[in-house]
């Protein structure tokens, strides 16, 4: 199983980005997919995740600004990030939970300038 995250970059405060995660190497559907982030000197934290039902959950800090979505057929996950703030600066990772195991992508860096 491989995950490839992309879409990060340098953006001014208030700007937007669309992060993408391409999954491959597995058959069937995943149990959960999610996005996490890790800022310098901090622990990795959950940003958003989506259950097989399509129900989404978000960290309080990003509610109303970030939107997780998926394309099951293409095995893609997306994180639309908007109204970015300097404190959103981090490496963003995608993750799937499939057949009892977690699989992580390599991360994509989002830097928000003030």
N, C-alpha and C. Protein backbone atom coordinates (compact mmCIF):
# COMPACT_ATOMS: atom_id res chain seq x y z
N UNK A 1 0.86 -1.19 0.00
CA UNK A 1 0.00 0.00 0.00
C UNK A 1 0.89 1.24 0.00
N UNK A 2 0.59 2.16 -0.89
CA UNK A 2 1.35 3.41 -0.96
C UNK A 2 0.40 4.59 -1.02
N UNK A 3 0.79 5.65 -0.33
CA UNK A 3 0.05 6.89 -0.36
C UNK A 3 0.98 8.00 -0.81
N UNK A 4 0.49 8.83 -1.69
CA UNK A 4 1.29 9.93 -2.22
C UNK A 4 0.52 11.22 -2.02
N UNK A 5 1.03 12.06 -1.11
CA UNK A 5 0.38 13.34 -0.85
C UNK A 5 1.02 14.43 -1.68
N UNK A 6 0.22 15.40 -2.09
CA UNK A 6 0.72 16.51 -2.87
C UNK A 6 -0.17 17.73 -2.68
N UNK A 7 0.29 18.86 -3.20
CA UNK A 7 -0.54 20.06 -3.17
C UNK A 7 -0.10 21.12 -2.19
N UNK A 8 0.88 20.81 -1.36
CA UNK A 8 1.35 21.80 -0.41
C UNK A 8 2.11 22.92 -1.08
N UNK A 9 2.43 23.93 -0.31
CA UNK A 9 3.18 25.06 -0.86
C UNK A 9 3.20 26.23 0.09
N UNK A 10 3.70 27.34 -0.41
CA UNK A 10 3.76 28.58 0.36
C UNK A 10 2.57 29.45 -0.03
N UNK A 11 1.83 29.90 0.96
CA UNK A 11 0.64 30.69 0.71
C UNK A 11 0.53 31.79 1.77
N UNK A 12 -0.04 32.90 1.40
CA UNK A 12 -0.25 33.98 2.35
C UNK A 12 -1.44 33.67 3.25
N UNK A 13 -1.43 34.26 4.40
CA UNK A 13 -2.55 34.11 5.32
C UNK A 13 -3.85 34.50 4.61
N UNK A 14 -4.87 33.70 4.83
CA UNK A 14 -6.14 33.92 4.16
C UNK A 14 -6.30 33.16 2.87
N UNK A 15 -5.21 32.58 2.41
CA UNK A 15 -5.23 31.85 1.14
C UNK A 15 -5.76 30.44 1.28
N UNK A 16 -5.76 29.74 0.14
CA UNK A 16 -6.32 28.39 0.09
C UNK A 16 -5.39 27.46 -0.69
N UNK A 17 -5.53 26.19 -0.39
CA UNK A 17 -4.82 25.14 -1.11
C UNK A 17 -5.72 23.92 -1.16
N UNK A 18 -5.42 23.05 -2.11
CA UNK A 18 -6.10 21.76 -2.16
C UNK A 18 -5.05 20.67 -2.11
N UNK A 19 -5.06 19.93 -1.02
CA UNK A 19 -4.14 18.83 -0.86
C UNK A 19 -4.77 17.56 -1.41
N UNK A 20 -3.96 16.73 -2.04
CA UNK A 20 -4.44 15.49 -2.61
C UNK A 20 -3.64 14.32 -2.09
N UNK A 21 -4.29 13.19 -2.02
CA UNK A 21 -3.62 11.97 -1.58
C UNK A 21 -4.06 10.83 -2.49
N UNK A 22 -3.10 10.25 -3.19
CA UNK A 22 -3.38 9.14 -4.09
C UNK A 22 -2.96 7.85 -3.42
N UNK A 23 -3.89 6.92 -3.33
CA UNK A 23 -3.62 5.64 -2.69
C UNK A 23 -3.54 4.54 -3.75
N UNK A 24 -2.67 3.58 -3.52
CA UNK A 24 -2.53 2.47 -4.46
C UNK A 24 -2.06 1.23 -3.72
N UNK A 25 -2.18 0.11 -4.39
CA UNK A 25 -1.63 -1.12 -3.83
C UNK A 25 -2.57 -1.88 -2.93
N UNK A 26 -3.86 -1.55 -2.95
CA UNK A 26 -4.79 -2.31 -2.15
C UNK A 26 -6.07 -2.54 -2.94
N UNK A 27 -6.81 -3.55 -2.49
CA UNK A 27 -8.06 -3.91 -3.15
C UNK A 27 -9.22 -3.59 -2.23
N UNK A 28 -10.29 -3.11 -2.80
CA UNK A 28 -11.47 -2.83 -2.02
C UNK A 28 -11.46 -1.43 -1.43
N UNK A 29 -12.27 -1.25 -0.43
CA UNK A 29 -12.43 0.07 0.19
C UNK A 29 -11.66 0.15 1.50
N UNK A 30 -11.31 1.37 1.86
CA UNK A 30 -10.63 1.58 3.13
C UNK A 30 -11.66 1.79 4.23
N UNK A 31 -11.25 1.55 5.47
CA UNK A 31 -12.14 1.77 6.60
C UNK A 31 -12.23 3.26 6.93
N UNK A 32 -11.11 3.89 7.03
CA UNK A 32 -11.06 5.31 7.32
C UNK A 32 -9.94 5.94 6.50
N UNK A 33 -10.11 7.18 6.15
CA UNK A 33 -9.04 7.97 5.59
C UNK A 33 -9.01 9.28 6.32
N UNK A 34 -7.81 9.79 6.49
CA UNK A 34 -7.70 11.01 7.26
C UNK A 34 -6.50 11.83 6.89
N UNK A 35 -6.50 13.03 7.38
CA UNK A 35 -5.39 13.95 7.20
C UNK A 35 -4.90 14.38 8.58
N UNK A 36 -3.61 14.38 8.74
CA UNK A 36 -2.96 14.80 9.97
C UNK A 36 -1.92 15.87 9.61
N UNK A 37 -1.45 16.55 10.63
CA UNK A 37 -0.38 17.51 10.39
C UNK A 37 0.57 17.54 11.58
N UNK A 38 1.79 17.93 11.28
CA UNK A 38 2.80 18.05 12.32
C UNK A 38 3.57 19.33 12.10
N UNK A 39 3.43 20.22 13.06
CA UNK A 39 4.16 21.48 13.01
C UNK A 39 5.52 21.30 13.68
N UNK A 40 6.47 22.14 13.37
CA UNK A 40 7.80 22.02 13.97
C UNK A 40 7.74 22.04 15.49
N UNK A 41 8.35 21.04 16.10
CA UNK A 41 8.40 20.98 17.55
C UNK A 41 7.14 20.50 18.22
N UNK A 42 6.16 20.09 17.42
CA UNK A 42 4.89 19.64 17.98
C UNK A 42 4.59 18.21 17.55
N UNK A 43 3.64 17.60 18.25
CA UNK A 43 3.24 16.25 17.91
C UNK A 43 2.29 16.26 16.71
N UNK A 44 2.25 15.14 16.03
CA UNK A 44 1.32 15.00 14.92
C UNK A 44 -0.11 15.00 15.47
N UNK A 45 -0.99 15.72 14.78
CA UNK A 45 -2.36 15.82 15.24
C UNK A 45 -3.33 15.55 14.10
N UNK A 46 -4.50 15.05 14.48
CA UNK A 46 -5.55 14.80 13.51
C UNK A 46 -6.15 16.12 13.06
N UNK A 47 -6.31 16.26 11.76
CA UNK A 47 -6.95 17.44 11.19
C UNK A 47 -8.38 17.11 10.76
N UNK A 48 -8.53 16.05 10.00
CA UNK A 48 -9.84 15.65 9.52
C UNK A 48 -9.79 14.18 9.15
N UNK A 49 -10.93 13.52 9.27
CA UNK A 49 -11.00 12.14 8.84
C UNK A 49 -12.41 11.85 8.34
N UNK A 50 -12.49 10.82 7.50
CA UNK A 50 -13.76 10.44 6.91
C UNK A 50 -13.98 8.95 7.07
N UNK A 51 -15.14 8.62 7.58
CA UNK A 51 -15.52 7.23 7.77
C UNK A 51 -16.02 6.64 6.45
N UNK A 52 -16.13 5.30 6.38
CA UNK A 52 -16.65 4.69 5.15
C UNK A 52 -18.03 5.21 4.77
N UNK A 53 -18.81 5.62 5.76
CA UNK A 53 -20.14 6.15 5.49
C UNK A 53 -20.11 7.51 4.82
N UNK A 54 -18.94 8.15 4.87
CA UNK A 54 -18.83 9.51 4.35
C UNK A 54 -18.89 10.57 5.43
N UNK A 55 -19.18 10.16 6.64
CA UNK A 55 -19.22 11.11 7.75
C UNK A 55 -17.82 11.64 8.01
N UNK A 56 -17.73 12.95 8.15
CA UNK A 56 -16.44 13.61 8.36
C UNK A 56 -16.36 14.21 9.75
N UNK A 57 -15.17 14.19 10.30
CA UNK A 57 -14.90 14.82 11.57
C UNK A 57 -13.68 15.72 11.43
N UNK A 58 -13.71 16.82 12.15
CA UNK A 58 -12.64 17.80 12.04
C UNK A 58 -12.13 18.22 13.42
N UNK A 59 -10.86 18.59 13.45
CA UNK A 59 -10.33 19.21 14.65
C UNK A 59 -11.01 20.56 14.83
N UNK A 60 -11.21 20.95 16.07
CA UNK A 60 -11.88 22.23 16.34
C UNK A 60 -11.16 23.39 15.66
N UNK A 61 -9.86 23.31 15.58
CA UNK A 61 -9.08 24.42 15.06
C UNK A 61 -9.27 24.66 13.57
N UNK A 62 -9.84 23.67 12.86
CA UNK A 62 -9.99 23.82 11.41
C UNK A 62 -11.45 23.78 10.95
N UNK A 63 -12.37 23.57 11.87
CA UNK A 63 -13.78 23.50 11.49
C UNK A 63 -14.21 24.78 10.78
N UNK A 64 -14.92 24.58 9.69
CA UNK A 64 -15.39 25.72 8.92
C UNK A 64 -14.38 26.24 7.91
N UNK A 65 -13.15 25.77 8.00
CA UNK A 65 -12.11 26.23 7.07
C UNK A 65 -11.57 25.10 6.19
N UNK A 66 -11.54 23.89 6.71
CA UNK A 66 -11.01 22.74 5.98
C UNK A 66 -12.15 21.80 5.62
N UNK A 67 -12.02 21.14 4.47
CA UNK A 67 -13.03 20.19 4.03
C UNK A 67 -12.34 18.95 3.48
N UNK A 68 -12.69 17.80 4.02
CA UNK A 68 -12.15 16.54 3.54
C UNK A 68 -13.14 15.94 2.55
N UNK A 69 -12.62 15.33 1.51
CA UNK A 69 -13.48 14.66 0.54
C UNK A 69 -12.72 13.47 -0.04
N UNK A 70 -13.40 12.71 -0.87
CA UNK A 70 -12.77 11.53 -1.43
C UNK A 70 -13.37 11.20 -2.79
N UNK A 71 -12.63 10.46 -3.54
CA UNK A 71 -13.12 9.86 -4.78
C UNK A 71 -12.79 8.37 -4.66
N UNK A 72 -13.79 7.60 -4.29
CA UNK A 72 -13.56 6.18 -4.00
C UNK A 72 -13.04 5.46 -5.24
N UNK A 73 -13.62 5.77 -6.38
CA UNK A 73 -13.24 5.05 -7.61
C UNK A 73 -11.79 5.31 -7.96
N UNK A 74 -11.35 6.55 -7.75
CA UNK A 74 -9.97 6.90 -8.07
C UNK A 74 -9.02 6.64 -6.91
N UNK A 75 -9.56 6.24 -5.76
CA UNK A 75 -8.75 6.01 -4.56
C UNK A 75 -7.97 7.27 -4.19
N UNK A 76 -8.70 8.36 -4.17
CA UNK A 76 -8.11 9.65 -3.85
C UNK A 76 -8.79 10.26 -2.62
N UNK A 77 -8.01 10.97 -1.85
CA UNK A 77 -8.54 11.75 -0.74
C UNK A 77 -8.07 13.19 -0.95
N UNK A 78 -8.91 14.13 -0.56
CA UNK A 78 -8.58 15.53 -0.74
C UNK A 78 -8.82 16.29 0.57
N UNK A 79 -8.02 17.32 0.75
CA UNK A 79 -8.25 18.23 1.87
C UNK A 79 -8.19 19.64 1.32
N UNK A 80 -9.35 20.27 1.25
CA UNK A 80 -9.43 21.66 0.85
C UNK A 80 -9.19 22.51 2.08
N UNK A 81 -8.14 23.32 2.02
CA UNK A 81 -7.81 24.15 3.18
C UNK A 81 -8.00 25.60 2.77
N UNK A 82 -8.76 26.33 3.56
CA UNK A 82 -9.07 27.70 3.23
C UNK A 82 -8.87 28.60 4.45
N UNK A 83 -8.85 29.91 4.17
CA UNK A 83 -8.64 30.89 5.25
C UNK A 83 -7.45 30.48 6.11
N UNK A 84 -6.36 30.17 5.45
CA UNK A 84 -5.20 29.66 6.16
C UNK A 84 -4.60 30.70 7.09
N UNK A 85 -4.07 30.19 8.19
CA UNK A 85 -3.44 31.02 9.20
C UNK A 85 -2.00 30.57 9.40
N UNK A 86 -1.15 31.45 9.89
CA UNK A 86 0.25 31.03 10.11
C UNK A 86 0.36 29.78 10.98
N UNK A 87 -0.55 29.62 11.92
CA UNK A 87 -0.50 28.44 12.79
C UNK A 87 -0.89 27.14 12.08
N UNK A 88 -1.35 27.25 10.84
CA UNK A 88 -1.63 26.06 10.04
C UNK A 88 -0.37 25.53 9.36
N UNK A 89 0.73 26.24 9.49
CA UNK A 89 1.98 25.80 8.91
C UNK A 89 2.40 24.46 9.51
N UNK A 90 2.60 23.47 8.64
CA UNK A 90 2.93 22.13 9.10
C UNK A 90 3.16 21.23 7.89
N UNK A 91 3.67 20.06 8.17
CA UNK A 91 3.68 19.00 7.16
C UNK A 91 2.36 18.24 7.31
N UNK A 92 1.65 18.12 6.22
CA UNK A 92 0.35 17.46 6.22
C UNK A 92 0.51 16.05 5.66
N UNK A 93 -0.03 15.09 6.41
CA UNK A 93 0.07 13.68 6.05
C UNK A 93 -1.33 13.10 5.82
N UNK A 94 -1.43 12.23 4.84
CA UNK A 94 -2.66 11.48 4.68
C UNK A 94 -2.45 10.08 5.24
N UNK A 95 -3.53 9.50 5.67
CA UNK A 95 -3.48 8.18 6.26
C UNK A 95 -4.73 7.41 5.91
N UNK A 96 -4.58 6.12 5.70
CA UNK A 96 -5.75 5.26 5.56
C UNK A 96 -5.63 4.12 6.57
N UNK A 97 -6.77 3.63 6.95
CA UNK A 97 -6.84 2.45 7.83
C UNK A 97 -7.50 1.34 7.02
N UNK A 98 -6.75 0.28 6.78
CA UNK A 98 -7.22 -0.77 5.89
C UNK A 98 -6.79 -2.12 6.43
N UNK A 99 -7.76 -2.97 6.60
CA UNK A 99 -7.52 -4.34 7.05
C UNK A 99 -6.63 -4.40 8.29
N UNK A 100 -6.98 -3.54 9.25
CA UNK A 100 -6.32 -3.62 10.55
C UNK A 100 -5.00 -2.89 10.67
N UNK A 101 -4.63 -2.13 9.66
CA UNK A 101 -3.35 -1.44 9.72
C UNK A 101 -3.47 0.00 9.21
N UNK A 102 -2.61 0.85 9.74
CA UNK A 102 -2.52 2.24 9.28
C UNK A 102 -1.43 2.35 8.22
N UNK A 103 -1.73 3.13 7.21
CA UNK A 103 -0.76 3.40 6.15
C UNK A 103 -0.66 4.92 5.99
N UNK A 104 0.58 5.42 5.94
CA UNK A 104 0.83 6.85 5.89
C UNK A 104 1.49 7.26 4.59
N UNK A 105 1.14 8.46 4.14
CA UNK A 105 1.85 9.07 3.04
C UNK A 105 3.09 9.78 3.55
N UNK A 106 3.85 10.34 2.64
CA UNK A 106 5.13 10.94 3.00
C UNK A 106 5.00 12.38 3.49
N UNK A 107 3.87 12.98 3.31
CA UNK A 107 3.66 14.35 3.79
C UNK A 107 3.90 15.40 2.73
N UNK A 108 3.17 16.49 2.86
CA UNK A 108 3.35 17.63 1.98
C UNK A 108 3.36 18.89 2.85
N UNK A 109 4.32 19.77 2.61
CA UNK A 109 4.53 20.92 3.47
C UNK A 109 3.64 22.08 3.07
N UNK A 110 2.94 22.61 4.05
CA UNK A 110 2.15 23.83 3.88
C UNK A 110 2.77 24.91 4.75
N UNK A 111 3.14 26.00 4.12
CA UNK A 111 3.72 27.13 4.85
C UNK A 111 2.84 28.35 4.63
N UNK A 112 2.38 28.93 5.71
CA UNK A 112 1.50 30.09 5.63
C UNK A 112 2.24 31.30 6.16
N UNK A 113 2.41 32.30 5.31
CA UNK A 113 3.10 33.52 5.72
C UNK A 113 2.09 34.56 6.20
N UNK A 114 2.52 35.35 7.16
CA UNK A 114 1.61 36.36 7.71
C UNK A 114 1.71 37.69 6.96
